[in-house]
Amino acid sequence: MPGDYDLVVVANRLPVDRVEEPDGSTSWRRSPGGLVTALEPVMKREDGAWVGWAGGAGDEAPEPFDAEGVRCVPIPLSEEEVEEYYEGFSNGTLWPLYHDVIVAPGYHRSWWEAYVRVNERFAEAAAVQAAQGATVWVQDYQLQLVPRMLRQRRPDLQIGFFNHIPFPPFEIFAQLPWRKAIIDGLLGADLVGFQRAADANNFARACRRASNLPARAGRIRLDAEGGREVRAASFPISIDFRALDELAQREDVKARAAEIRRDLGDPEHLLLGIDRLDYTKGILHRLKAFEELLDDGRVDVAEASLVQVATPSRERVEQYVQLRQDVEVTVGRINGTHSTIAHTAVHYLHHSYGREEMAALYLAADVMLVTALRDGMNLVAKEYVASRHDERGVLVLSEFTGAADELGGQALMVNPHDIDGLKDAVLRALRMPPREAGRRMRALRRRVGDHDVQRWAASFLEALAQHAPDPRGTAAEVAASAEASA
């Protein structure tokens, strides 16, 4: 029996986080992520439901509840499923595989079985919540089987899927023992969205090679389903530009930015890296380039200082534990060699920070270093641009990020594996004339401001409405509502 909601979002996590209050009671607080920012307005207008994991391990989940104007439908994950579905197949198999095998993926049948089982649970919950002819938008690599499972249960639905991380070339994807099942799962959607055109092309090629399906101009034809077509296309995600721009202009945030520079000894140049502590982010490459600049005498510790924020991530996974150790050893070596009593070469912060502190860090930094080895988008680059209402600062950006497709014209592009080239780019950023830096930043801000996260959501939903059968006009109405909120 159909449910009550014309728009259902299915994501690994709910849009709210559980908060333990001082009196022992529990409340729910809006999550800070970009996806929540993008979809919250349209979810409220369409009386939408959001299916996701509440974040805790256990065989039981809270009953569905309303929070921040959105119906939240929690999905339970047992401790074993957190280990095998989430830490295992999602982040031990798919994450490294989709990021060009920077570390070796693990292929374990028990992980795959847990992934199938949990995807079934998400699909079933979405099918129960969705009204007749509703739009269901499935998010990211943890749930790639859900579109097909959902279509089998509810062929009346309009189904979209968006992959927030890269989709690898077929020569890499082909390693996956369950590649055909993943392709079939994604092809349950009417529209499959990716960050970059190259990712959409990789997916289409995988459909041809793994499943022998005709795929031309981003359209995959399923003759076994009456010639139904699935469209694959790029929809680069963005940020809430207006909100971050306004935040960075607050007097308390500007005062905090000035205070940060004073606390760091008022360096002539402040370089900044902000990343999740992940092997895909190129943190060690960035540190090596900075260390060699100091070793070579091309940069002096009294002239430039690097702040590296590394947000804790997946701390139970072996590769992440080793990465943290490697980063801390490298920082210690750099500081032991180059720091003085008055000046510290690298300030390493293994913490997460709130929006105000992040905006202040962006404002304080003269150079933003984004040196990811592979990244679906990298919103930090766009956040830095949105924060620079003063039209100052230089963005050094890896060509292996999705953001490079949009910002590459005005950022200083680098191959992070090329340490000499990375050093030259950092030095160029430090020496860039203010007039050139201002011209580049103005162009970057126009691009990010014109293509914000609301526009991303609206463009995807509009494309889904145009491509999928629309028995009641629901998807078209949802897209129009999203456009109005942009």
Protein backbone atom coordinates (compact mmCIF):
# COMPACT_ATOMS: atom_id res chain seq x y z
CA MET A 1 0.00 0.00 0.00
CA PRO A 2 1.48 3.42 -0.98
CA GLY A 3 2.59 5.79 1.75
CA ASP A 4 1.95 9.51 2.27
CA TYR A 5 5.06 11.28 0.97
CA ASP A 6 5.54 12.68 -2.52
CA LEU A 7 9.30 13.09 -2.03
CA VAL A 8 11.44 10.53 -0.21
CA VAL A 9 15.17 10.92 0.24
CA VAL A 10 17.14 7.76 1.04
CA ALA A 11 20.61 8.35 2.48
CA ASN A 12 22.98 6.46 4.73
CA ARG A 13 22.44 9.00 7.53
CA LEU A 14 19.41 10.94 8.71
CA PRO A 15 19.48 14.75 8.33
CA VAL A 16 19.59 15.11 12.13
CA ASP A 17 22.01 13.96 14.83
CA ARG A 18 20.99 12.53 18.17
CA VAL A 19 22.00 14.80 21.08
CA GLU A 20 22.15 13.71 24.71
CA GLU A 21 20.90 16.58 26.88
CA PRO A 22 22.35 17.30 30.35
CA ASP A 23 19.20 15.95 32.01
CA GLY A 24 19.63 12.61 30.22
CA SER A 25 16.90 13.19 27.65
CA THR A 26 17.47 12.85 23.91
CA SER A 27 16.84 15.44 21.23
CA TRP A 28 17.61 15.74 17.52
CA ARG A 29 19.66 18.53 15.96
CA ARG A 30 20.00 19.38 12.28
CA SER A 31 23.16 17.95 10.68
CA PRO A 32 25.57 20.49 9.17
CA GLY A 33 26.13 18.66 5.87
CA GLY A 34 25.67 20.16 2.42
CA LEU A 35 23.10 17.57 1.37
CA VAL A 36 20.83 18.58 4.25
CA THR A 37 21.23 22.25 3.32
CA ALA A 38 20.32 21.50 -0.30
CA LEU A 39 17.24 19.44 0.38
CA GLU A 40 15.78 20.93 3.54
CA PRO A 41 13.73 23.68 1.82
CA VAL A 42 12.16 21.39 -0.76
CA MET A 43 11.60 18.63 1.80
CA LYS A 44 9.62 21.04 3.94
CA ARG A 45 7.58 22.34 1.00
CA GLU A 46 6.77 18.87 -0.27
CA ASP A 47 6.14 17.36 3.17
CA GLY A 48 8.96 14.92 2.44
CA ALA A 49 10.32 11.92 4.30
CA TRP A 50 13.98 11.08 4.84
CA VAL A 51 15.05 7.45 5.32
CA GLY A 52 18.43 6.95 6.99
CA TRP A 53 20.51 5.42 9.74
CA ALA A 54 20.30 7.26 13.07
CA GLY A 55 24.00 6.63 13.79
CA GLY A 56 23.90 4.20 16.70
CA ALA A 57 24.36 0.43 16.60
CA GLY A 58 21.47 -1.78 17.72
CA ASP A 59 18.81 -4.14 16.47
CA GLU A 60 16.07 -1.59 17.08
CA ALA A 61 15.74 1.94 15.70
CA PRO A 62 13.61 4.82 17.01
CA GLU A 63 10.11 5.09 15.62
CA PRO A 64 9.66 7.57 12.74
CA PHE A 65 9.54 11.15 14.03
CA ASP A 66 9.34 14.74 12.79
CA ALA A 67 12.38 17.01 13.17
CA GLU A 68 13.19 20.34 11.54
CA GLY A 69 10.01 20.06 9.47
CA VAL A 70 11.00 16.70 7.92
CA ARG A 71 9.65 13.22 8.55
CA CYS A 72 12.62 11.09 9.66
CA VAL A 73 12.47 7.31 9.25
CA PRO A 74 15.36 5.66 11.13
CA ILE A 75 16.90 2.41 9.86
CA PRO A 76 18.54 0.08 12.42
CA LEU A 77 22.04 -1.28 11.97
CA SER A 78 23.40 -3.94 14.31
CA GLU A 79 26.99 -3.78 15.55
CA GLU A 80 27.87 -6.51 13.06
CA GLU A 81 26.24 -4.58 10.20
CA VAL A 82 28.10 -1.39 11.12
CA GLU A 83 31.29 -3.43 10.89
CA GLU A 84 30.48 -5.32 7.69
CA TYR A 85 28.12 -3.08 5.68
CA TYR A 86 29.48 0.35 6.66
CA GLU A 87 33.11 -0.05 7.74
CA GLY A 88 33.50 -3.16 5.59
CA PHE A 89 31.91 -3.13 2.14
CA SER A 90 31.12 0.58 1.93
CA ASN A 91 34.41 1.94 3.26
CA GLY A 92 36.77 -1.02 2.99
CA THR A 93 35.72 -2.15 -0.50
CA LEU A 94 33.89 0.56 -2.44
CA TRP A 95 35.64 3.66 -1.06
CA PRO A 96 39.20 2.63 -2.01
CA LEU A 97 38.03 1.01 -5.27
CA TYR A 98 36.19 4.15 -6.38
CA HIS A 99 39.17 6.33 -5.40
CA ASP A 100 41.56 4.70 -7.86
CA VAL A 101 42.78 1.99 -5.44
CA ILE A 102 44.98 4.41 -3.48
CA VAL A 103 44.90 1.61 -0.91
CA ALA A 104 43.91 -1.97 -1.69
CA PRO A 105 40.18 -2.78 -1.35
CA GLY A 106 39.06 -5.83 0.60
CA TYR A 107 36.72 -8.30 -1.10
CA HIS A 108 34.89 -10.34 1.52
CA ARG A 109 31.67 -12.24 0.84
CA SER A 110 30.35 -11.58 4.34
CA TRP A 111 30.73 -7.82 3.72
CA TRP A 112 28.81 -8.11 0.45
CA GLU A 113 26.04 -10.14 2.09
CA ALA A 114 25.65 -7.47 4.77
CA TYR A 115 25.58 -4.75 2.09
CA VAL A 116 22.75 -6.54 0.25
CA ARG A 117 20.81 -7.10 3.47
CA VAL A 118 21.06 -3.46 4.60
CA ASN A 119 20.20 -2.11 1.14
CA GLU A 120 17.05 -4.27 1.22
CA ARG A 121 16.09 -2.69 4.54
CA PHE A 122 16.49 0.85 3.16
CA ALA A 123 14.52 -0.02 0.03
CA GLU A 124 11.66 -1.53 2.00
CA ALA A 125 11.39 1.53 4.24
CA ALA A 126 11.37 3.88 1.24
CA ALA A 127 8.68 1.81 -0.48
CA VAL A 128 6.46 2.05 2.61
CA GLN A 129 6.82 5.85 2.87
CA ALA A 130 6.42 6.82 -0.82
CA ALA A 131 3.05 7.90 -2.14
CA GLN A 132 1.72 6.66 -5.49
CA GLY A 133 3.94 8.05 -8.27
CA ALA A 134 6.27 9.71 -5.76
CA THR A 135 9.85 10.83 -6.38
CA VAL A 136 12.52 8.90 -4.48
CA TRP A 137 16.08 10.24 -4.49
CA VAL A 138 18.72 7.75 -3.32
CA GLN A 139 22.09 9.10 -2.20
CA ASP A 140 25.61 7.73 -2.55
CA TYR A 141 27.73 4.63 -2.73
CA GLN A 142 26.45 2.95 0.44
CA LEU A 143 23.06 2.36 -1.24
CA GLN A 144 23.76 1.41 -4.85
CA LEU A 145 21.41 -1.59 -4.78
CA VAL A 146 18.42 0.37 -3.50
CA PRO A 147 17.17 1.73 -6.89
CA ARG A 148 16.63 -1.78 -8.34
CA MET A 149 15.17 -3.15 -5.12
CA LEU A 150 12.82 -0.19 -4.96
CA ARG A 151 11.72 -0.52 -8.59
CA GLN A 152 10.89 -4.18 -8.01
CA ARG A 153 8.64 -3.21 -5.12
CA ARG A 154 7.20 0.01 -6.54
CA PRO A 155 7.37 0.34 -10.36
CA ASP A 156 5.15 3.43 -10.14
CA LEU A 157 7.92 5.52 -8.56
CA GLN A 158 10.28 8.02 -10.16
CA ILE A 159 13.72 7.04 -8.90
CA GLY A 160 16.88 9.11 -8.95
CA PHE A 161 20.34 8.23 -7.65
CA PHE A 162 23.30 10.52 -7.00
CA ASN A 163 26.85 9.27 -6.47
CA HIS A 164 28.79 11.77 -4.35
CA ILE A 165 32.18 10.12 -4.86
CA PRO A 166 34.02 9.31 -8.12
CA PHE A 167 32.98 6.41 -10.32
CA PRO A 168 36.14 4.64 -11.47
CA PRO A 169 37.26 3.64 -14.96
CA PHE A 170 36.07 0.17 -15.95
CA GLU A 171 39.58 -1.29 -15.69
CA ILE A 172 39.43 -0.54 -11.94
CA PHE A 173 35.71 -1.20 -11.43
CA ALA A 174 36.13 -4.60 -13.11
CA GLN A 175 38.04 -5.85 -10.05
CA LEU A 176 34.82 -5.89 -8.04
CA PRO A 177 33.45 -9.45 -7.89
CA TRP A 178 29.89 -8.09 -7.64
CA ARG A 179 30.22 -5.52 -10.44
CA LYS A 180 27.17 -6.72 -12.41
CA ALA A 181 24.98 -6.61 -9.32
CA ILE A 182 26.08 -3.02 -8.62
CA ILE A 183 25.39 -1.98 -12.22
CA ASP A 184 21.99 -3.65 -12.12
CA GLY A 185 21.20 -1.96 -8.81
CA LEU A 186 21.99 1.51 -10.17
CA LEU A 187 20.02 0.86 -13.36
CA GLY A 188 16.89 0.58 -11.27
CA ALA A 189 16.95 4.39 -11.27
CA ASP A 190 15.59 6.60 -14.04
CA LEU A 191 18.43 9.07 -13.61
CA VAL A 192 21.92 8.37 -12.21
CA GLY A 193 23.85 11.53 -11.34
CA PHE A 194 27.59 12.01 -10.88
CA GLN A 195 29.91 14.86 -9.92
CA ARG A 196 31.84 14.94 -13.21
CA ALA A 197 31.09 14.10 -16.84
CA ALA A 198 34.03 11.66 -16.70
CA ASP A 199 32.29 9.71 -13.93
CA ALA A 200 29.07 9.47 -15.95
CA ASN A 201 31.09 8.26 -18.94
CA ASN A 202 32.85 5.66 -16.76
CA PHE A 203 29.47 4.37 -15.59
CA ALA A 204 28.10 4.16 -19.14
CA ARG A 205 31.20 2.25 -20.21
CA ALA A 206 30.81 -0.12 -17.27
CA CYS A 207 27.24 -0.80 -18.42
CA ARG A 208 28.53 -1.70 -21.87
CA ARG A 209 31.45 -3.81 -20.68
CA ALA A 210 30.00 -5.52 -17.59
CA SER A 211 26.39 -5.98 -18.73
CA ASN A 212 26.60 -5.72 -22.53
CA LEU A 213 24.03 -2.93 -22.59
CA PRO A 214 23.77 -0.30 -25.35
CA ALA A 215 24.85 3.07 -23.96
CA ARG A 216 25.14 6.19 -26.11
CA ALA A 217 25.16 9.89 -25.21
CA GLY A 218 24.62 9.10 -21.54
CA ARG A 219 21.56 6.93 -22.12
CA ILE A 220 21.53 3.23 -21.31
CA ARG A 221 18.74 1.20 -22.97
CA LEU A 222 17.28 -1.78 -21.12
CA ASP A 223 15.64 -3.94 -23.79
CA ALA A 224 14.69 -6.53 -21.17
CA GLU A 225 12.51 -3.85 -19.54
CA GLY A 226 10.63 -2.81 -22.65
CA GLY A 227 13.33 -0.47 -23.87
CA ARG A 228 13.34 1.65 -20.71
CA GLU A 229 16.16 4.18 -20.76
CA VAL A 230 18.33 5.24 -17.85
CA ARG A 231 20.10 8.56 -18.15
CA ALA A 232 23.59 9.08 -16.69
CA ALA A 233 24.77 12.69 -16.36
CA SER A 234 26.88 15.05 -14.28
CA PHE A 235 25.38 17.36 -11.66
CA PRO A 236 28.30 18.91 -9.74
CA ILE A 237 27.27 19.52 -6.13
CA SER A 238 27.97 22.81 -4.43
CA ILE A 239 27.53 24.71 -1.14
CA ASP A 240 25.15 27.23 0.41
CA PHE A 241 27.12 30.20 -0.90
CA ARG A 242 24.88 32.91 0.52
CA ALA A 243 24.87 31.50 4.06
CA LEU A 244 28.64 31.10 4.19
CA ASP A 245 29.25 34.51 2.62
CA GLU A 246 27.02 36.13 5.25
CA LEU A 247 28.66 34.15 8.06
CA ALA A 248 32.15 35.26 7.01
CA GLN A 249 31.03 38.90 7.02
CA ARG A 250 29.92 38.81 10.64
CA GLU A 251 32.04 41.04 12.85
CA ASP A 252 32.71 38.29 15.39
CA VAL A 253 33.97 35.95 12.66
CA LYS A 254 36.25 38.63 11.21
CA ALA A 255 37.56 39.40 14.70
CA ARG A 256 38.22 35.70 15.26
CA ALA A 257 40.16 35.52 11.96
CA ALA A 258 42.39 38.38 13.11
CA GLU A 259 42.83 36.69 16.48
CA ILE A 260 43.91 33.43 14.80
CA ARG A 261 46.67 35.24 12.93
CA ARG A 262 47.85 36.95 16.12
CA ASP A 263 47.88 33.66 18.01
CA LEU A 264 50.02 32.16 15.25
CA GLY A 265 52.59 34.93 15.59
CA ASP A 266 51.31 37.15 12.77
CA PRO A 267 53.04 35.25 9.94
CA GLU A 268 53.49 37.13 6.70
CA HIS A 269 51.74 34.28 4.89
CA LEU A 270 49.36 31.71 6.35
CA LEU A 271 48.69 28.50 4.43
CA LEU A 272 45.71 26.33 5.30
CA GLY A 273 44.63 22.74 4.74
CA ILE A 274 41.27 21.47 5.99
CA ASP A 275 40.44 17.83 5.35
CA ARG A 276 38.89 14.75 6.76
CA LEU A 277 41.81 12.57 7.85
CA ASP A 278 41.63 10.33 4.79
CA TYR A 279 44.26 8.83 2.50
CA THR A 280 42.48 10.34 -0.53
CA LYS A 281 43.14 13.93 0.57
CA GLY A 282 46.87 14.13 -0.18
CA ILE A 283 47.80 15.51 3.25
CA LEU A 284 51.21 13.84 3.26
CA HIS A 285 51.97 15.17 -0.24
CA ARG A 286 51.12 18.70 0.95
CA LEU A 287 53.33 18.37 4.02
CA LYS A 288 56.20 16.99 1.95
CA ALA A 289 56.02 19.94 -0.48
CA PHE A 290 56.01 22.45 2.39
CA GLU A 291 58.87 20.65 4.14
CA GLU A 292 60.99 20.73 0.99
CA LEU A 293 60.31 24.43 0.49
CA LEU A 294 61.67 25.00 3.98
CA ASP A 295 64.59 22.61 3.40
CA ASP A 296 65.48 24.38 0.13
CA GLY A 297 65.36 27.80 1.76
CA ARG A 298 62.77 29.00 -0.75
CA VAL A 299 60.42 29.68 2.18
CA ASP A 300 61.43 30.71 5.68
CA VAL A 301 59.54 29.69 8.81
CA ALA A 302 59.40 33.36 9.82
CA GLU A 303 57.67 34.12 6.52
CA ALA A 304 55.08 31.34 6.21
CA SER A 305 53.24 28.94 8.49
CA LEU A 306 50.92 26.05 7.63
CA VAL A 307 47.79 25.22 9.58
CA GLN A 308 46.57 21.67 8.89
CA VAL A 309 43.14 20.74 10.26
CA ALA A 310 42.51 16.99 10.02
CA THR A 311 39.02 16.02 11.12
CA PRO A 312 38.96 12.57 12.76
CA SER A 313 37.59 9.89 10.46
CA ARG A 314 36.96 6.12 10.59
CA GLU A 315 39.23 5.70 13.56
CA ARG A 316 38.63 1.94 13.80
CA VAL A 317 39.92 1.29 10.25
CA GLU A 318 43.56 0.19 10.06
CA GLN A 319 44.54 2.42 7.11
CA TYR A 320 43.24 5.50 8.90
CA VAL A 321 45.09 4.68 12.11
CA GLN A 322 48.31 4.31 10.10
CA LEU A 323 47.66 7.56 8.21
CA ARG A 324 47.23 9.47 11.46
CA GLN A 325 50.54 8.11 12.73
CA ASP A 326 52.31 9.02 9.47
CA VAL A 327 50.92 12.56 9.49
CA GLU A 328 51.87 13.13 13.13
CA VAL A 329 55.41 11.81 12.57
CA THR A 330 55.81 14.06 9.52
CA VAL A 331 54.55 17.14 11.35
CA GLY A 332 56.89 16.38 14.25
CA ARG A 333 59.87 16.06 11.93
CA ILE A 334 59.09 19.34 10.14
CA ASN A 335 58.63 21.25 13.37
CA GLY A 336 61.69 19.68 14.99
CA THR A 337 63.83 20.76 12.06
CA HIS A 338 62.41 24.16 11.18
CA SER A 339 60.39 25.67 14.04
CA THR A 340 61.86 28.33 16.30
CA ILE A 341 60.76 29.68 19.65
CA ALA A 342 58.97 32.51 17.86
CA HIS A 343 57.65 30.61 14.84
CA THR A 344 56.04 27.17 14.36
CA ALA A 345 56.24 25.70 10.88
CA VAL A 346 53.12 23.47 11.00
CA HIS A 347 50.17 23.78 13.36
CA TYR A 348 48.44 20.38 13.28
CA LEU A 349 44.88 20.21 14.64
CA HIS A 350 43.23 16.79 14.85
CA HIS A 351 39.78 18.14 15.69
CA SER A 352 36.48 18.99 14.07
CA TYR A 353 35.32 22.61 14.21
CA GLY A 354 32.03 24.45 13.99
CA ARG A 355 30.97 26.64 11.07
CA GLU A 356 32.06 29.91 12.68
CA GLU A 357 35.59 28.67 13.40
CA MET A 358 35.90 27.21 9.91
CA ALA A 359 34.83 30.50 8.34
CA ALA A 360 37.36 32.36 10.50
CA LEU A 361 40.12 29.98 9.40
CA TYR A 362 39.21 30.52 5.75
CA LEU A 363 39.33 34.30 6.27
CA ALA A 364 42.66 34.11 8.06
CA ALA A 365 44.40 32.06 5.36
CA ASP A 366 46.30 33.64 2.47
CA VAL A 367 46.60 30.33 0.60
CA MET A 368 44.18 27.38 0.63
CA LEU A 369 45.79 24.03 -0.21
CA VAL A 370 43.47 21.39 -1.67
CA THR A 371 45.75 18.55 -2.79
CA ALA A 372 43.41 15.55 -2.93
CA LEU A 373 44.67 12.51 -4.82
CA ARG A 374 41.08 11.75 -5.88
CA ASP A 375 37.89 13.48 -4.84
CA GLY A 376 34.32 13.46 -6.09
CA MET A 377 34.00 17.22 -5.60
CA ASN A 378 35.81 18.69 -2.55
CA LEU A 379 33.52 21.30 -1.07
CA VAL A 380 36.31 22.81 1.06
CA ALA A 381 37.59 24.55 -2.07
CA LYS A 382 34.17 26.13 -2.64
CA GLU A 383 33.77 27.01 1.05
CA TYR A 384 37.06 28.91 0.97
CA VAL A 385 35.91 30.88 -2.05
CA ALA A 386 32.52 31.66 -0.50
CA SER A 387 34.19 32.93 2.69
CA ARG A 388 36.48 35.39 0.88
CA HIS A 389 34.15 38.37 0.67
CA ASP A 390 37.33 40.49 0.87
CA GLU A 391 38.30 39.07 -2.56
CA ARG A 392 41.71 38.06 -1.26
CA GLY A 393 43.40 34.68 -0.96
CA VAL A 394 44.66 32.12 -3.46
CA LEU A 395 43.28 28.62 -4.05
CA VAL A 396 45.76 25.86 -4.92
CA LEU A 397 43.63 23.01 -6.27
CA SER A 398 44.32 19.41 -7.27
CA GLU A 399 43.33 18.54 -10.81
CA PHE A 400 41.97 15.25 -9.46
CA THR A 401 39.00 16.89 -7.68
CA GLY A 402 35.57 17.45 -9.14
CA ALA A 403 35.95 21.11 -8.20
CA ALA A 404 38.76 21.38 -10.77
CA ASP A 405 36.21 21.16 -13.60
CA GLU A 406 34.51 24.32 -12.35
CA LEU A 407 37.28 26.29 -10.64
CA GLY A 408 40.32 25.28 -12.64
CA GLY A 409 40.35 28.45 -14.71
CA GLN A 410 41.23 30.71 -11.77
CA ALA A 411 42.69 28.38 -9.12
CA LEU A 412 46.34 27.32 -9.35
CA MET A 413 46.05 23.76 -10.62
CA VAL A 414 48.42 21.05 -9.37
CA ASN A 415 49.15 17.37 -9.72
CA PRO A 416 49.77 16.47 -6.04
CA HIS A 417 51.97 13.53 -7.06
CA ASP A 418 54.34 16.04 -8.69
CA ILE A 419 56.01 17.42 -5.57
CA ASP A 420 58.22 19.84 -7.52
CA GLY A 421 55.19 21.20 -9.38
CA LEU A 422 53.26 21.48 -6.12
CA LYS A 423 56.14 23.41 -4.53
CA ASP A 424 56.24 25.81 -7.49
CA ALA A 425 52.47 26.40 -7.21
CA VAL A 426 52.69 27.09 -3.48
CA LEU A 427 55.51 29.53 -4.04
CA ARG A 428 53.58 31.23 -6.84
CA ALA A 429 50.57 31.56 -4.53
CA LEU A 430 52.70 33.11 -1.81
CA ARG A 431 54.24 35.62 -4.24
CA MET A 432 51.11 36.41 -6.26
CA PRO A 433 50.45 40.16 -6.68
CA PRO A 434 47.30 41.30 -4.83
CA ARG A 435 45.73 42.58 -8.03
CA GLU A 436 46.00 39.18 -9.75
CA ALA A 437 44.78 37.35 -6.63
CA GLY A 438 41.76 39.67 -6.43
CA ARG A 439 40.88 39.15 -10.09
CA ARG A 440 41.06 35.39 -9.71
CA MET A 441 39.02 35.35 -6.49
CA ARG A 442 36.27 37.55 -7.97
CA ALA A 443 35.86 35.10 -10.86
CA LEU A 444 35.83 32.13 -8.48
CA ARG A 445 33.16 33.75 -6.32
CA ARG A 446 30.95 34.44 -9.31
CA ARG A 447 31.15 30.81 -10.35
CA VAL A 448 30.40 29.35 -6.92
CA GLY A 449 27.71 31.95 -6.20
CA ASP A 450 25.90 31.23 -9.47
CA HIS A 451 26.06 27.46 -9.00
CA ASP A 452 25.10 26.92 -5.37
CA VAL A 453 23.71 23.84 -3.67
CA GLN A 454 20.06 24.82 -4.16
CA ARG A 455 20.67 25.06 -7.89
CA TRP A 456 22.26 21.61 -7.78
CA ALA A 457 19.20 20.03 -6.17
CA ALA A 458 16.82 21.85 -8.50
CA SER A 459 18.73 20.84 -11.63
CA PHE A 460 18.78 17.17 -10.64
CA LEU A 461 15.09 17.04 -9.78
CA GLU A 462 14.18 18.90 -12.96
CA ALA A 463 16.20 16.43 -15.05
CA LEU A 464 14.51 13.52 -13.26
CA ALA A 465 11.08 15.04 -13.90
CA GLN A 466 11.84 15.40 -17.60
CA HIS A 467 13.30 11.92 -18.04
CA ALA A 468 11.14 9.66 -15.92
CA PRO A 469 7.47 8.79 -16.47
CA ASP A 470 5.45 11.28 -14.43
CA PRO A 471 1.98 9.82 -13.69
CA ARG A 472 0.89 12.61 -11.34
CA GLY A 473 3.28 15.45 -12.08
CA THR A 474 4.97 14.97 -8.73
CA ALA A 475 8.58 15.22 -9.84
CA ALA A 476 7.86 18.29 -11.93
CA GLU A 477 6.25 19.99 -8.95
CA VAL A 478 9.15 19.03 -6.71
CA ALA A 479 11.66 20.43 -9.22
CA ALA A 480 9.73 23.69 -9.52
CA SER A 481 9.64 24.01 -5.75
CA ALA A 482 13.38 23.40 -5.51
CA GLU A 483 14.03 26.02 -8.16
CA ALA A 484 11.89 28.52 -6.28
CA SER A 485 13.94 27.97 -3.12
CA ALA A 486 17.29 28.46 -4.89
